[in-house]
């Protein structure tokens, strides 16, 4: 496995109050990991940063 593609698993189900009746993939990156992936040319994340919408942003630090 390419070490650059390994993403740590984070359980956010208890952190984000979502009650949805459809499949949902929640993707969580640290600011450092996000910057690295964009620098590597990750087109998926580049598109999200250009066109995506933030659904939830924690105020906790």
PDB file of N, CA and C in Angstrom:
ATOM      1  N   UNK A   1       0.840  -1.181   0.000  1.00  0.00           N
ATOM      2  CA  UNK A   1       0.000   0.000   0.000  1.00  0.00           C
ATOM      3  C   UNK A   1       0.881   1.240   0.000  1.00  0.00           C
ATOM      4  N   UNK A   2       0.512   2.217  -0.775  1.00  0.00           N
ATOM      5  CA  UNK A   2       1.224   3.484  -0.826  1.00  0.00           C
ATOM      6  C   UNK A   2       0.949   4.243   0.463  1.00  0.00           C
ATOM      7  N   UNK A   3       1.992   4.562   1.228  1.00  0.00           N
ATOM      8  CA  UNK A   3       1.820   5.229   2.521  1.00  0.00           C
ATOM      9  C   UNK A   3       1.133   6.579   2.377  1.00  0.00           C
ATOM     10  N   UNK A   4       1.289   7.242   1.235  1.00  0.00           N
ATOM     11  CA  UNK A   4       0.659   8.548   1.038  1.00  0.00           C
ATOM     12  C   UNK A   4      -0.865   8.431   0.980  1.00  0.00           C
ATOM     13  N   UNK A   5      -1.367   7.273   0.634  1.00  0.00           N
ATOM     14  CA  UNK A   5      -2.806   7.110   0.470  1.00  0.00           C
ATOM     15  C   UNK A   5      -3.502   6.595   1.730  1.00  0.00           C
ATOM     16  N   UNK A   6      -2.727   6.219   2.730  1.00  0.00           N
ATOM     17  CA  UNK A   6      -3.316   5.717   3.967  1.00  0.00           C
ATOM     18  C   UNK A   6      -3.960   6.871   4.724  1.00  0.00           C
ATOM     19  N   UNK A   7      -5.230   6.708   5.079  1.00  0.00           N
ATOM     20  CA  UNK A   7      -5.970   7.745   5.795  1.00  0.00           C
ATOM     21  C   UNK A   7      -6.371   7.196   7.151  1.00  0.00           C
ATOM     22  N   UNK A   8      -6.038   7.911   8.234  1.00  0.00           N
ATOM     23  CA  UNK A   8      -6.443   7.415   9.548  1.00  0.00           C
ATOM     24  C   UNK A   8      -7.965   7.403   9.666  1.00  0.00           C
ATOM     25  N   UNK A   9      -8.481   6.373  10.308  1.00  0.00           N
ATOM     26  CA  UNK A   9      -9.922   6.246  10.492  1.00  0.00           C
ATOM     27  C   UNK A   9     -10.334   7.010  11.740  1.00  0.00           C
ATOM     28  N   UNK A  10     -11.355   7.820  11.601  1.00  0.00           N
ATOM     29  CA  UNK A  10     -11.862   8.607  12.715  1.00  0.00           C
ATOM     30  C   UNK A  10     -13.355   8.339  12.834  1.00  0.00           C
ATOM     31  N   UNK A  11     -13.811   8.018  14.033  1.00  0.00           N
ATOM     32  CA  UNK A  11     -15.233   7.794  14.240  1.00  0.00           C
ATOM     33  C   UNK A  11     -15.881   9.121  14.609  1.00  0.00           C
ATOM     34  N   UNK A  12     -16.596   9.692  13.663  1.00  0.00           N
ATOM     35  CA  UNK A  12     -17.231  10.994  13.882  1.00  0.00           C
ATOM     36  C   UNK A  12     -18.728  10.868  14.104  1.00  0.00           C
ATOM     37  N   UNK A  13     -19.236   9.663  14.135  1.00  0.00           N
ATOM     38  CA  UNK A  13     -20.680   9.473  14.268  1.00  0.00           C
ATOM     39  C   UNK A  13     -21.246  10.124  15.520  1.00  0.00           C
ATOM     40  N   UNK A  14     -20.496  10.134  16.608  1.00  0.00           N
ATOM     41  CA  UNK A  14     -20.970  10.736  17.852  1.00  0.00           C
ATOM     42  C   UNK A  14     -20.686  12.233  17.890  1.00  0.00           C
ATOM     43  N   UNK A  15     -19.803  12.721  17.028  1.00  0.00           N
ATOM     44  CA  UNK A  15     -19.421  14.129  17.024  1.00  0.00           C
ATOM     45  C   UNK A  15     -20.318  14.991  16.159  1.00  0.00           C
ATOM     46  N   UNK A  16     -20.897  14.407  15.129  1.00  0.00           N
ATOM     47  CA  UNK A  16     -21.713  15.161  14.185  1.00  0.00           C
ATOM     48  C   UNK A  16     -23.149  14.666  14.280  1.00  0.00           C
ATOM     49  N   UNK A  17     -24.058  15.561  14.633  1.00  0.00           N
ATOM     50  CA  UNK A  17     -25.461  15.154  14.776  1.00  0.00           C
ATOM     51  C   UNK A  17     -26.156  15.018  13.423  1.00  0.00           C
ATOM     52  N   UNK A  18     -25.996  13.871  12.784  1.00  0.00           N
ATOM     53  CA  UNK A  18     -26.612  13.628  11.484  1.00  0.00           C
ATOM     54  C   UNK A  18     -27.637  12.514  11.598  1.00  0.00           C
ATOM     55  N   UNK A  19     -28.828  12.792  11.171  1.00  0.00           N
ATOM     56  CA  UNK A  19     -29.874  11.773  11.101  1.00  0.00           C
ATOM     57  C   UNK A  19     -30.314  11.709   9.647  1.00  0.00           C
ATOM     58  N   UNK A  20     -29.668  10.843   8.882  1.00  0.00           N
ATOM     59  CA  UNK A  20     -29.954  10.763   7.455  1.00  0.00           C
ATOM     60  C   UNK A  20     -30.506   9.388   7.108  1.00  0.00           C
ATOM     61  N   UNK A  21     -31.305   9.347   6.064  1.00  0.00           N
ATOM     62  CA  UNK A  21     -31.914   8.104   5.618  1.00  0.00           C
ATOM     63  C   UNK A  21     -31.265   7.591   4.344  1.00  0.00           C
ATOM     64  N   UNK A  22     -30.052   8.007   4.086  1.00  0.00           N
ATOM     65  CA  UNK A  22     -29.324   7.594   2.891  1.00  0.00           C
ATOM     66  C   UNK A  22     -27.858   7.402   3.258  1.00  0.00           C
ATOM     67  N   UNK A  23     -27.128   6.717   2.395  1.00  0.00           N
ATOM     68  CA  UNK A  23     -25.714   6.479   2.632  1.00  0.00           C
ATOM     69  C   UNK A  23     -24.927   7.778   2.633  1.00  0.00           C
ATOM     70  N   UNK A  24     -23.977   7.888   3.519  1.00  0.00           N
ATOM     71  CA  UNK A  24     -23.186   9.109   3.630  1.00  0.00           C
ATOM     72  C   UNK A  24     -21.769   8.743   4.030  1.00  0.00           C
ATOM     73  N   UNK A  25     -20.807   9.187   3.272  1.00  0.00           N
ATOM     74  CA  UNK A  25     -19.402   8.998   3.626  1.00  0.00           C
ATOM     75  C   UNK A  25     -18.884  10.311   4.181  1.00  0.00           C
ATOM     76  N   UNK A  26     -18.413  10.288   5.417  1.00  0.00           N
ATOM     77  CA  UNK A  26     -17.827  11.470   6.046  1.00  0.00           C
ATOM     78  C   UNK A  26     -16.324  11.305   5.978  1.00  0.00           C
ATOM     79  N   UNK A  27     -15.668  12.245   5.339  1.00  0.00           N
ATOM     80  CA  UNK A  27     -14.214  12.191   5.170  1.00  0.00           C
ATOM     81  C   UNK A  27     -13.598  13.288   6.033  1.00  0.00           C
ATOM     82  N   UNK A  28     -12.666  12.902   6.898  1.00  0.00           N
ATOM     83  CA  UNK A  28     -12.046  13.847   7.820  1.00  0.00           C
ATOM     84  C   UNK A  28     -10.543  13.847   7.589  1.00  0.00           C
ATOM     85  N   UNK A  29      -9.981  15.041   7.369  1.00  0.00           N
ATOM     86  CA  UNK A  29      -8.538  15.203   7.235  1.00  0.00           C
ATOM     87  C   UNK A  29      -8.067  16.259   8.214  1.00  0.00           C
ATOM     88  N   UNK A  30      -6.858  16.086   8.732  1.00  0.00           N
ATOM     89  CA  UNK A  30      -6.248  17.163   9.503  1.00  0.00           C
ATOM     90  C   UNK A  30      -5.815  18.233   8.510  1.00  0.00           C
ATOM     91  N   UNK A  31      -5.654  19.467   8.936  1.00  0.00           N
ATOM     92  CA  UNK A  31      -5.180  20.501   8.013  1.00  0.00           C
ATOM     93  C   UNK A  31      -3.859  20.119   7.320  1.00  0.00           C
ATOM     94  N   UNK A  32      -2.983  19.462   8.063  1.00  0.00           N
ATOM     95  CA  UNK A  32      -1.698  19.044   7.487  1.00  0.00           C
ATOM     96  C   UNK A  32      -1.896  17.992   6.391  1.00  0.00           C
ATOM     97  N   UNK A  33      -2.738  16.976   6.678  1.00  0.00           N
ATOM     98  CA  UNK A  33      -2.994  15.930   5.683  1.00  0.00           C
ATOM     99  C   UNK A  33      -3.665  16.501   4.442  1.00  0.00           C
ATOM    100  N   UNK A  34      -4.595  17.412   4.636  1.00  0.00           N
ATOM    101  CA  UNK A  34      -5.281  18.032   3.512  1.00  0.00           C
ATOM    102  C   UNK A  34      -4.285  18.794   2.634  1.00  0.00           C
ATOM    103  N   UNK A  35      -3.433  19.584   3.246  1.00  0.00           N
ATOM    104  CA  UNK A  35      -2.428  20.344   2.491  1.00  0.00           C
ATOM    105  C   UNK A  35      -1.493  19.411   1.725  1.00  0.00           C
ATOM    106  N   UNK A  36      -1.093  18.303   2.357  1.00  0.00           N
ATOM    107  CA  UNK A  36      -0.202  17.339   1.691  1.00  0.00           C
ATOM    108  C   UNK A  36      -0.882  16.732   0.467  1.00  0.00           C
ATOM    109  N   UNK A  37      -2.120  16.317   0.615  1.00  0.00           N
ATOM    110  CA  UNK A  37      -2.825  15.661  -0.496  1.00  0.00           C
ATOM    111  C   UNK A  37      -3.058  16.629  -1.652  1.00  0.00           C
ATOM    112  N   UNK A  38      -3.370  17.873  -1.345  1.00  0.00           N
ATOM    113  CA  UNK A  38      -3.542  18.876  -2.402  1.00  0.00           C
ATOM    114  C   UNK A  38      -2.203  19.107  -3.098  1.00  0.00           C
ATOM    115  N   UNK A  39      -1.115  19.171  -2.331  1.00  0.00           N
ATOM    116  CA  UNK A  39       0.220  19.358  -2.918  1.00  0.00           C
ATOM    117  C   UNK A  39       0.597  18.185  -3.815  1.00  0.00           C
ATOM    118  N   UNK A  40       0.106  16.978  -3.497  1.00  0.00           N
ATOM    119  CA  UNK A  40       0.379  15.798  -4.326  1.00  0.00           C
ATOM    120  C   UNK A  40      -0.489  15.759  -5.572  1.00  0.00           C
ATOM    121  N   UNK A  41      -1.436  16.707  -5.672  1.00  0.00           N
ATOM    122  CA  UNK A  41      -2.270  16.751  -6.870  1.00  0.00           C
ATOM    123  C   UNK A  41      -3.538  15.924  -6.772  1.00  0.00           C
ATOM    124  N   UNK A  42      -4.066  15.733  -5.561  1.00  0.00           N
ATOM    125  CA  UNK A  42      -5.292  14.958  -5.368  1.00  0.00           C
ATOM    126  C   UNK A  42      -6.458  15.726  -5.991  1.00  0.00           C
ATOM    127  N   UNK A  43      -6.892  15.302  -7.175  1.00  0.00           N
ATOM    128  CA  UNK A  43      -7.925  16.029  -7.908  1.00  0.00           C
ATOM    129  C   UNK A  43      -9.280  15.989  -7.194  1.00  0.00           C
ATOM    130  N   UNK A  44      -9.553  14.914  -6.456  1.00  0.00           N
ATOM    131  CA  UNK A  44     -10.798  14.811  -5.697  1.00  0.00           C
ATOM    132  C   UNK A  44     -10.877  15.938  -4.669  1.00  0.00           C
ATOM    133  N   UNK A  45      -9.810  16.118  -3.884  1.00  0.00           N
ATOM    134  CA  UNK A  45      -9.814  17.165  -2.871  1.00  0.00           C
ATOM    135  C   UNK A  45      -9.738  18.555  -3.486  1.00  0.00           C
ATOM    136  N   UNK A  46      -9.033  18.702  -4.594  1.00  0.00           N
ATOM    137  CA  UNK A  46      -8.982  20.003  -5.261  1.00  0.00           C
ATOM    138  C   UNK A  46     -10.384  20.424  -5.708  1.00  0.00           C
ATOM    139  N   UNK A  47     -11.155  19.487  -6.232  1.00  0.00           N
ATOM    140  CA  UNK A  47     -12.525  19.795  -6.652  1.00  0.00           C
ATOM    141  C   UNK A  47     -13.403  20.138  -5.448  1.00  0.00           C
ATOM    142  N   UNK A  48     -13.240  19.398  -4.355  1.00  0.00           N
ATOM    143  CA  UNK A  48     -14.021  19.686  -3.147  1.00  0.00           C
ATOM    144  C   UNK A  48     -13.689  21.084  -2.631  1.00  0.00           C
ATOM    145  N   UNK A  49     -12.419  21.439  -2.590  1.00  0.00           N
ATOM    146  CA  UNK A  49     -12.036  22.763  -2.098  1.00  0.00           C
ATOM    147  C   UNK A  49     -12.553  23.875  -2.998  1.00  0.00           C
ATOM    148  N   UNK A  50     -12.655  23.609  -4.285  1.00  0.00           N
ATOM    149  CA  UNK A  50     -13.125  24.622  -5.223  1.00  0.00           C
ATOM    150  C   UNK A  50     -14.648  24.738  -5.245  1.00  0.00           C
ATOM    151  N   UNK A  51     -15.356  23.607  -5.079  1.00  0.00           N
ATOM    152  CA  UNK A  51     -16.796  23.611  -5.289  1.00  0.00           C
ATOM    153  C   UNK A  51     -17.610  23.087  -4.111  1.00  0.00           C
ATOM    154  N   UNK A  52     -16.959  22.557  -3.100  1.00  0.00           N
ATOM    155  CA  UNK A  52     -17.667  21.902  -2.002  1.00  0.00           C
ATOM    156  C   UNK A  52     -18.338  22.862  -1.040  1.00  0.00           C
ATOM    157  N   UNK A  53     -19.182  22.295  -0.192  1.00  0.00           N
ATOM    158  CA  UNK A  53     -19.919  23.044   0.817  1.00  0.00           C
ATOM    159  C   UNK A  53     -19.645  22.412   2.183  1.00  0.00           C
ATOM    160  N   UNK A  54     -19.308  23.216   3.175  1.00  0.00           N
ATOM    161  CA  UNK A  54     -19.091  22.721   4.528  1.00  0.00           C
ATOM    162  C   UNK A  54     -20.450  22.470   5.168  1.00  0.00           C
ATOM    163  N   UNK A  55     -20.678  21.235   5.603  1.00  0.00           N
ATOM    164  CA  UNK A  55     -21.942  20.885   6.235  1.00  0.00           C
ATOM    165  C   UNK A  55     -21.890  21.043   7.744  1.00  0.00           C
ATOM    166  N   UNK A  56     -20.710  20.889   8.316  1.00  0.00           N
ATOM    167  CA  UNK A  56     -20.545  20.985   9.768  1.00  0.00           C
ATOM    168  C   UNK A  56     -19.122  21.379  10.040  1.00  0.00           C
ATOM    169  N   UNK A  57     -18.931  22.354  10.925  1.00  0.00           N
ATOM    170  CA  UNK A  57     -17.593  22.749  11.328  1.00  0.00           C
ATOM    171  C   UNK A  57     -17.599  22.932  12.825  1.00  0.00           C
ATOM    172  N   UNK A  58     -16.761  22.190  13.503  1.00  0.00           N
ATOM    173  CA  UNK A  58     -16.705  22.246  14.958  1.00  0.00           C
ATOM    174  C   UNK A  58     -16.091  23.563  15.424  1.00  0.00           C
ATOM    175  N   UNK A  59     -16.615  24.084  16.523  1.00  0.00           N
ATOM    176  CA  UNK A  59     -16.025  25.285  17.120  1.00  0.00           C
ATOM    177  C   UNK A  59     -15.029  24.910  18.194  1.00  0.00           C
ATOM    178  N   UNK A  60     -14.953  23.621  18.525  1.00  0.00           N
ATOM    179  CA  UNK A  60     -13.998  23.154  19.535  1.00  0.00           C
ATOM    180  C   UNK A  60     -12.602  23.117  18.937  1.00  0.00           C
ATOM    181  N   UNK A  61     -11.626  23.394  19.763  1.00  0.00           N
ATOM    182  CA  UNK A  61     -10.238  23.360  19.259  1.00  0.00           C
ATOM    183  C   UNK A  61      -9.515  22.134  19.679  1.00  0.00           C
TER     184      UNK A  61
END
